[in-house]
PDB file of N, CA and C in Angstrom:
ATOM      1  N   MET A   1       9.964   9.732  -7.902  1.00  0.00           N
ATOM      2  CA  MET A   1       9.368   9.806  -7.106  1.00  0.00           C
ATOM      3  C   MET A   1       8.088  10.324  -6.690  1.00  0.00           C
ATOM      4  N   ILE A   2       7.575  10.806  -6.695  1.00  0.00           N
ATOM      5  CA  ILE A   2       5.814  11.312  -6.072  1.00  0.00           C
ATOM      6  C   ILE A   2       4.981  10.797  -4.928  1.00  0.00           C
ATOM      7  N   ILE A   3       4.783  11.164  -3.248  1.00  0.00           N
ATOM      8  CA  ILE A   3       4.540  10.884  -3.252  1.00  0.00           C
ATOM      9  C   ILE A   3       3.478  11.635  -2.116  1.00  0.00           C
ATOM     10  N   GLY A   4       2.215  11.831  -2.088  1.00  0.00           N
ATOM     11  CA  GLY A   4       1.511  13.086  -1.995  1.00  0.00           C
ATOM     12  C   GLY A   4       1.637  14.372  -2.739  1.00  0.00           C
ATOM     13  N   SER A   5       1.682  15.512  -2.513  1.00  0.00           N
ATOM     14  CA  SER A   5       2.331  16.129  -2.871  1.00  0.00           C
ATOM     15  C   SER A   5       3.480  16.885  -2.927  1.00  0.00           C
ATOM     16  N   LYS A   6       4.748  16.256  -3.180  1.00  0.00           N
ATOM     17  CA  LYS A   6       6.001  16.111  -3.086  1.00  0.00           C
ATOM     18  C   LYS A   6       6.106  15.622  -4.092  1.00  0.00           C
ATOM     19  N   GLN A   7       7.712  15.641  -4.735  1.00  0.00           N
ATOM     20  CA  GLN A   7       8.569  14.934  -5.219  1.00  0.00           C
ATOM     21  C   GLN A   7       9.758  14.873  -4.348  1.00  0.00           C
ATOM     22  N   LEU A   8       9.451  13.348  -4.581  1.00  0.00           N
ATOM     23  CA  LEU A   8      11.119  12.847  -3.384  1.00  0.00           C
ATOM     24  C   LEU A   8      12.475  12.442  -4.077  1.00  0.00           C
ATOM     25  N   PRO A   9      13.507  12.556  -4.128  1.00  0.00           N
ATOM     26  CA  PRO A   9      14.097  12.516  -4.799  1.00  0.00           C
ATOM     27  C   PRO A   9      14.281  10.846  -4.821  1.00  0.00           C
ATOM     28  N   VAL A  10      14.950  10.205  -5.519  1.00  0.00           N
ATOM     29  CA  VAL A  10      14.994   9.099  -6.311  1.00  0.00           C
ATOM     30  C   VAL A  10      16.261   8.383  -4.877  1.00  0.00           C
ATOM     31  N   GLY A  11      15.433   7.271  -4.788  1.00  0.00           N
ATOM     32  CA  GLY A  11      16.455   6.312  -3.547  1.00  0.00           C
ATOM     33  C   GLY A  11      16.041   7.295  -1.585  1.00  0.00           C
ATOM     34  N   PHE A  12      15.119   7.364  -1.712  1.00  0.00           N
ATOM     35  CA  PHE A  12      14.857   8.512  -0.879  1.00  0.00           C
ATOM     36  C   PHE A  12      14.347   6.848  -0.026  1.00  0.00           C
ATOM     37  N   ARG A  13      14.878   7.165   1.529  1.00  0.00           N
ATOM     38  CA  ARG A  13      14.256   5.888   2.568  1.00  0.00           C
ATOM     39  C   ARG A  13      13.775   6.732   3.840  1.00  0.00           C
ATOM     40  N   PHE A  14      12.716   6.740   4.626  1.00  0.00           N
ATOM     41  CA  PHE A  14      12.101   7.323   5.541  1.00  0.00           C
ATOM     42  C   PHE A  14      12.615   6.423   6.729  1.00  0.00           C
ATOM     43  N   MET A  15      14.079   6.738   7.143  1.00  0.00           N
ATOM     44  CA  MET A  15      14.386   5.647   7.968  1.00  0.00           C
ATOM     45  C   MET A  15      15.104   6.201   9.587  1.00  0.00           C
ATOM     46  N   PRO A  16      14.118   7.152  10.541  1.00  0.00           N
ATOM     47  CA  PRO A  16      14.233   8.188  11.421  1.00  0.00           C
ATOM     48  C   PRO A  16      14.827   7.010  12.379  1.00  0.00           C
ATOM     49  N   THR A  17      15.561   7.575  13.686  1.00  0.00           N
ATOM     50  CA  THR A  17      15.896   7.298  14.735  1.00  0.00           C
ATOM     51  C   THR A  17      14.531   7.303  16.003  1.00  0.00           C
ATOM     52  N   ASP A  18      15.066   6.665  16.490  1.00  0.00           N
ATOM     53  CA  ASP A  18      14.321   5.762  17.987  1.00  0.00           C
ATOM     54  C   ASP A  18      13.491   7.425  18.484  1.00  0.00           C
ATOM     55  N   GLU A  19      14.701   8.427  19.008  1.00  0.00           N
ATOM     56  CA  GLU A  19      14.429   9.874  18.800  1.00  0.00           C
ATOM     57  C   GLU A  19      13.512  10.564  17.811  1.00  0.00           C
ATOM     58  N   GLU A  20      13.858  10.466  17.008  1.00  0.00           N
ATOM     59  CA  GLU A  20      13.346  11.208  15.645  1.00  0.00           C
ATOM     60  C   GLU A  20      12.065  10.435  16.082  1.00  0.00           C
ATOM     61  N   LEU A  21      11.475   9.451  15.816  1.00  0.00           N
ATOM     62  CA  LEU A  21      10.019   9.084  15.822  1.00  0.00           C
ATOM     63  C   LEU A  21       9.636   8.921  16.743  1.00  0.00           C
ATOM     64  N   VAL A  22      10.011   9.955  18.276  1.00  0.00           N
ATOM     65  CA  VAL A  22       9.280   9.875  19.392  1.00  0.00           C
ATOM     66  C   VAL A  22       9.126  11.374  18.876  1.00  0.00           C
ATOM     67  N   THR A  23      10.404  11.911  19.621  1.00  0.00           N
ATOM     68  CA  THR A  23      10.492  13.256  19.197  1.00  0.00           C
ATOM     69  C   THR A  23       9.410  14.578  18.403  1.00  0.00           C
ATOM     70  N   HIS A  24       9.725  13.801  16.807  1.00  0.00           N
ATOM     71  CA  HIS A  24       9.047  14.837  15.989  1.00  0.00           C
ATOM     72  C   HIS A  24       7.577  13.725  15.301  1.00  0.00           C
ATOM     73  N   TYR A  25       7.391  12.606  15.387  1.00  0.00           N
ATOM     74  CA  TYR A  25       5.866  11.883  15.153  1.00  0.00           C
ATOM     75  C   TYR A  25       5.215  11.360  16.063  1.00  0.00           C
ATOM     76  N   LEU A  26       5.605  11.164  17.201  1.00  0.00           N
ATOM     77  CA  LEU A  26       4.568   9.806  17.797  1.00  0.00           C
ATOM     78  C   LEU A  26       3.627  10.965  19.099  1.00  0.00           C
ATOM     79  N   MET A  27       5.033  12.049  19.818  1.00  0.00           N
ATOM     80  CA  MET A  27       4.905  12.934  20.821  1.00  0.00           C
ATOM     81  C   MET A  27       3.736  13.580  19.841  1.00  0.00           C
ATOM     82  N   ASN A  28       3.995  14.739  18.705  1.00  0.00           N
ATOM     83  CA  ASN A  28       2.727  15.161  18.324  1.00  0.00           C
ATOM     84  C   ASN A  28       1.159  14.608  17.868  1.00  0.00           C
ATOM     85  N   LYS A  29       2.070  13.052  17.107  1.00  0.00           N
ATOM     86  CA  LYS A  29       0.166  12.091  17.086  1.00  0.00           C
ATOM     87  C   LYS A  29      -0.076  12.848  18.347  1.00  0.00           C
ATOM     88  N   VAL A  30       0.483  11.754  18.924  1.00  0.00           N
ATOM     89  CA  VAL A  30      -0.414  12.113  20.551  1.00  0.00           C
ATOM     90  C   VAL A  30      -0.697  13.221  21.190  1.00  0.00           C
ATOM     91  N   LEU A  31      -0.066  14.303  21.140  1.00  0.00           N
ATOM     92  CA  LEU A  31      -0.539  15.032  21.441  1.00  0.00           C
ATOM     93  C   LEU A  31      -1.979  16.218  20.255  1.00  0.00           C
ATOM     94  N   TYR A  32      -2.040  15.936  19.216  1.00  0.00           N
ATOM     95  CA  TYR A  32      -2.781  16.266  18.708  1.00  0.00           C
ATOM     96  C   TYR A  32      -2.719  17.388  17.386  1.00  0.00           C
ATOM     97  N   ARG A  33      -1.025  17.733  17.184  1.00  0.00           N
ATOM     98  CA  ARG A  33      -0.089  18.652  17.068  1.00  0.00           C
ATOM     99  C   ARG A  33       0.196  17.904  15.341  1.00  0.00           C
ATOM    100  N   PRO A  34       0.484  19.003  14.012  1.00  0.00           N
ATOM    101  CA  PRO A  34       0.458  19.123  13.140  1.00  0.00           C
ATOM    102  C   PRO A  34       1.679  17.410  12.844  1.00  0.00           C
ATOM    103  N   VAL A  35       1.962  16.475  12.684  1.00  0.00           N
ATOM    104  CA  VAL A  35       2.680  15.248  12.121  1.00  0.00           C
ATOM    105  C   VAL A  35       3.616  16.171  10.592  1.00  0.00           C
ATOM    106  N   PRO A  36       5.440  15.887  10.849  1.00  0.00           N
ATOM    107  CA  PRO A  36       5.927  16.238   9.711  1.00  0.00           C
ATOM    108  C   PRO A  36       5.386  15.634   8.674  1.00  0.00           C
ATOM    109  N   ALA A  37       5.782  15.719   7.298  1.00  0.00           N
ATOM    110  CA  ALA A  37       5.530  14.471   6.119  1.00  0.00           C
ATOM    111  C   ALA A  37       4.134  13.793   6.782  1.00  0.00           C
ATOM    112  N   ALA A  38       3.221  14.290   7.439  1.00  0.00           N
ATOM    113  CA  ALA A  38       2.092  13.466   7.364  1.00  0.00           C
ATOM    114  C   ALA A  38       0.929  13.092   6.299  1.00  0.00           C
ATOM    115  N   GLN A  39       1.191  13.865   4.817  1.00  0.00           N
ATOM    116  CA  GLN A  39       0.564  13.242   3.635  1.00  0.00           C
ATOM    117  C   GLN A  39       1.961  11.727   2.833  1.00  0.00           C
ATOM    118  N   GLU A  40       2.463  12.270   3.074  1.00  0.00           N
ATOM    119  CA  GLU A  40       3.719  10.898   2.571  1.00  0.00           C
ATOM    120  C   GLU A  40       4.047  10.246   3.324  1.00  0.00           C
ATOM    121  N   ILE A  41       3.711  10.044   4.683  1.00  0.00           N
ATOM    122  CA  ILE A  41       3.724   8.164   5.604  1.00  0.00           C
ATOM    123  C   ILE A  41       1.781   8.362   6.325  1.00  0.00           C
ATOM    124  N   ARG A  42       1.857   7.321   5.395  1.00  0.00           N
ATOM    125  CA  ARG A  42       0.110   6.962   5.264  1.00  0.00           C
ATOM    126  C   ARG A  42       0.225   5.590   6.709  1.00  0.00           C
ATOM    127  N   GLU A  43      -1.156   5.839   7.160  1.00  0.00           N
ATOM    128  CA  GLU A  43      -1.202   5.336   9.030  1.00  0.00           C
ATOM    129  C   GLU A  43      -2.157   3.850   7.989  1.00  0.00           C
ATOM    130  N   ILE A  44      -1.636   2.886   8.511  1.00  0.00           N
ATOM    131  CA  ILE A  44      -2.519   1.123   7.913  1.00  0.00           C
ATOM    132  C   ILE A  44      -2.734   1.135   9.713  1.00  0.00           C
ATOM    133  N   ASP A  45      -3.589   0.205   9.148  1.00  0.00           N
ATOM    134  CA  ASP A  45      -5.268  -0.910  10.345  1.00  0.00           C
ATOM    135  C   ASP A  45      -3.837  -1.885  10.680  1.00  0.00           C
ATOM    136  N   VAL A  46      -3.314  -2.062  11.898  1.00  0.00           N
ATOM    137  CA  VAL A  46      -2.669  -2.894  12.062  1.00  0.00           C
ATOM    138  C   VAL A  46      -3.120  -4.102  12.291  1.00  0.00           C
ATOM    139  N   ALA A  47      -4.281  -3.971  12.904  1.00  0.00           N
ATOM    140  CA  ALA A  47      -5.378  -5.697  12.557  1.00  0.00           C
ATOM    141  C   ALA A  47      -5.097  -6.279  11.458  1.00  0.00           C
ATOM    142  N   ARG A  48      -5.580  -5.216  10.642  1.00  0.00           N
ATOM    143  CA  ARG A  48      -5.727  -5.705   8.894  1.00  0.00           C
ATOM    144  C   ARG A  48      -4.088  -5.882   7.987  1.00  0.00           C
ATOM    145  N   PHE A  49      -3.104  -5.817   8.832  1.00  0.00           N
ATOM    146  CA  PHE A  49      -1.741  -6.025   8.235  1.00  0.00           C
ATOM    147  C   PHE A  49      -0.983  -7.257   8.651  1.00  0.00           C
ATOM    148  N   TYR A  50      -1.185  -7.050  10.204  1.00  0.00           N
ATOM    149  CA  TYR A  50      -0.960  -8.800  10.676  1.00  0.00           C
ATOM    150  C   TYR A  50      -1.985  -9.600   9.835  1.00  0.00           C
ATOM    151  N   SER A  51      -3.285  -9.803   9.096  1.00  0.00           N
ATOM    152  CA  SER A  51      -4.206 -11.006   9.048  1.00  0.00           C
ATOM    153  C   SER A  51      -4.026 -11.003   7.747  1.00  0.00           C
ATOM    154  N   ASN A  52      -3.324 -10.600   7.013  1.00  0.00           N
ATOM    155  CA  ASN A  52      -2.872 -11.033   5.375  1.00  0.00           C
ATOM    156  C   ASN A  52      -1.765 -10.764   5.148  1.00  0.00           C
ATOM    157  N   HIS A  53      -2.110 -11.378   3.737  1.00  0.00           N
ATOM    158  CA  HIS A  53      -0.324 -12.348   3.083  1.00  0.00           C
ATOM    159  C   HIS A  53       0.496 -10.693   2.594  1.00  0.00           C
ATOM    160  N   PRO A  54       1.356 -10.865   2.866  1.00  0.00           N
ATOM    161  CA  PRO A  54       2.033  -9.191   2.073  1.00  0.00           C
ATOM    162  C   PRO A  54       1.615  -8.887   1.212  1.00  0.00           C
ATOM    163  N   LYS A  55       1.480  -9.624   0.434  1.00  0.00           N
ATOM    164  CA  LYS A  55       0.704  -9.072  -1.719  1.00  0.00           C
ATOM    165  C   LYS A  55      -0.693  -8.818  -0.500  1.00  0.00           C
ATOM    166  N   ASN A  56      -1.638  -9.034  -0.368  1.00  0.00           N
ATOM    167  CA  ASN A  56      -2.943  -8.532  -0.089  1.00  0.00           C
ATOM    168  C   ASN A  56      -2.617  -7.480   0.426  1.00  0.00           C
ATOM    169  N   LEU A  57      -2.071  -6.353   0.643  1.00  0.00           N
ATOM    170  CA  LEU A  57      -1.764  -5.691   1.677  1.00  0.00           C
ATOM    171  C   LEU A  57      -2.374  -4.424   0.951  1.00  0.00           C
ATOM    172  N   GLU A  58      -1.630  -4.379  -0.383  1.00  0.00           N
ATOM    173  CA  GLU A  58      -2.381  -3.065  -0.800  1.00  0.00           C
ATOM    174  C   GLU A  58      -3.673  -2.052  -0.993  1.00  0.00           C
ATOM    175  N   TYR A  59      -4.114  -1.117  -0.649  1.00  0.00           N
ATOM    176  CA  TYR A  59      -4.976  -0.699  -0.539  1.00  0.00           C
ATOM    177  C   TYR A  59      -5.292   0.479  -2.780  1.00  0.00           C
ATOM    178  N   GLU A  60      -4.304   0.892  -2.896  1.00  0.00           N
ATOM    179  CA  GLU A  60      -4.717   1.112  -4.645  1.00  0.00           C
ATOM    180  C   GLU A  60      -3.710   0.387  -5.366  1.00  0.00           C
ATOM    181  N   GLN A  61      -4.373   0.584  -6.876  1.00  0.00           N
ATOM    182  CA  GLN A  61      -3.801  -1.008  -7.329  1.00  0.00           C
ATOM    183  C   GLN A  61      -2.667   0.011  -7.796  1.00  0.00           C
ATOM    184  N   THR A  62      -1.407  -0.634  -8.337  1.00  0.00           N
ATOM    185  CA  THR A  62      -0.450   0.830  -8.457  1.00  0.00           C
ATOM    186  C   THR A  62       0.709  -0.168  -9.092  1.00  0.00           C
ATOM    187  N   LYS A  63       1.069   0.322  -9.986  1.00  0.00           N
ATOM    188  CA  LYS A  63       2.675  -0.579 -10.512  1.00  0.00           C
ATOM    189  C   LYS A  63       3.882  -0.202  -9.957  1.00  0.00           C
ATOM    190  N   GLN A  64       3.486   0.843  -9.102  1.00  0.00           N
ATOM    191  CA  GLN A  64       4.790   1.180  -8.087  1.00  0.00           C
ATOM    192  C   GLN A  64       5.005   0.285  -7.089  1.00  0.00           C
ATOM    193  N   ARG A  65       6.936   0.268  -7.047  1.00  0.00           N
ATOM    194  CA  ARG A  65       7.084  -0.927  -5.553  1.00  0.00           C
ATOM    195  C   ARG A  65       6.570  -0.266  -4.164  1.00  0.00           C
ATOM    196  N   ARG A  66       6.389  -1.178  -3.554  1.00  0.00           N
ATOM    197  CA  ARG A  66       5.853  -0.860  -2.764  1.00  0.00           C
ATOM    198  C   ARG A  66       7.356  -1.985  -1.411  1.00  0.00           C
ATOM    199  N   GLU A  67       7.537  -1.099  -0.586  1.00  0.00           N
ATOM    200  CA  GLU A  67       8.291  -2.100   0.869  1.00  0.00           C
ATOM    201  C   GLU A  67       7.206  -2.486   1.660  1.00  0.00           C
ATOM    202  N   PHE A  68       7.230  -3.466   2.846  1.00  0.00           N
ATOM    203  CA  PHE A  68       6.980  -4.124   4.063  1.00  0.00           C
ATOM    204  C   PHE A  68       8.362  -4.392   4.822  1.00  0.00           C
ATOM    205  N   PHE A  69       8.313  -3.581   6.466  1.00  0.00           N
ATOM    206  CA  PHE A  69       9.514  -4.291   6.772  1.00  0.00           C
ATOM    207  C   PHE A  69       8.520  -4.262   8.272  1.00  0.00           C
ATOM    208  N   ARG A  70       9.437  -5.562   9.063  1.00  0.00           N
ATOM    209  CA  ARG A  70       9.197  -6.098   9.970  1.00  0.00           C
ATOM    210  C   ARG A  70      10.085  -6.241  10.998  1.00  0.00           C
ATOM    211  N   GLU A  71      10.641  -6.092  12.216  1.00  0.00           N
ATOM    212  CA  GLU A  71      10.797  -6.629  12.760  1.00  0.00           C
ATOM    213  C   GLU A  71      10.812  -8.333  13.203  1.00  0.00           C
ATOM    214  N   LYS A  72      12.186  -9.096  13.074  1.00  0.00           N
ATOM    215  CA  LYS A  72      11.791 -10.253  13.622  1.00  0.00           C
ATOM    216  C   LYS A  72      11.490 -10.513  15.068  1.00  0.00           C
TER     217      LYS A  72
END
């Protein structure tokens, strides 16, 4: 699987813990510091995300599998 400019192993999943999200991603983002894997993790427009059906969320046409997660 190729994401951004890096090749990731098959089966790679981005599943950080709550602590990792806060200390390594969100805190850096708020302080305008580089975020780990910034090229591989896409940001989304939350208003657009929640106002559309999941099949309409693609930003580009691709045959790659996409997964979307949400809390119940």
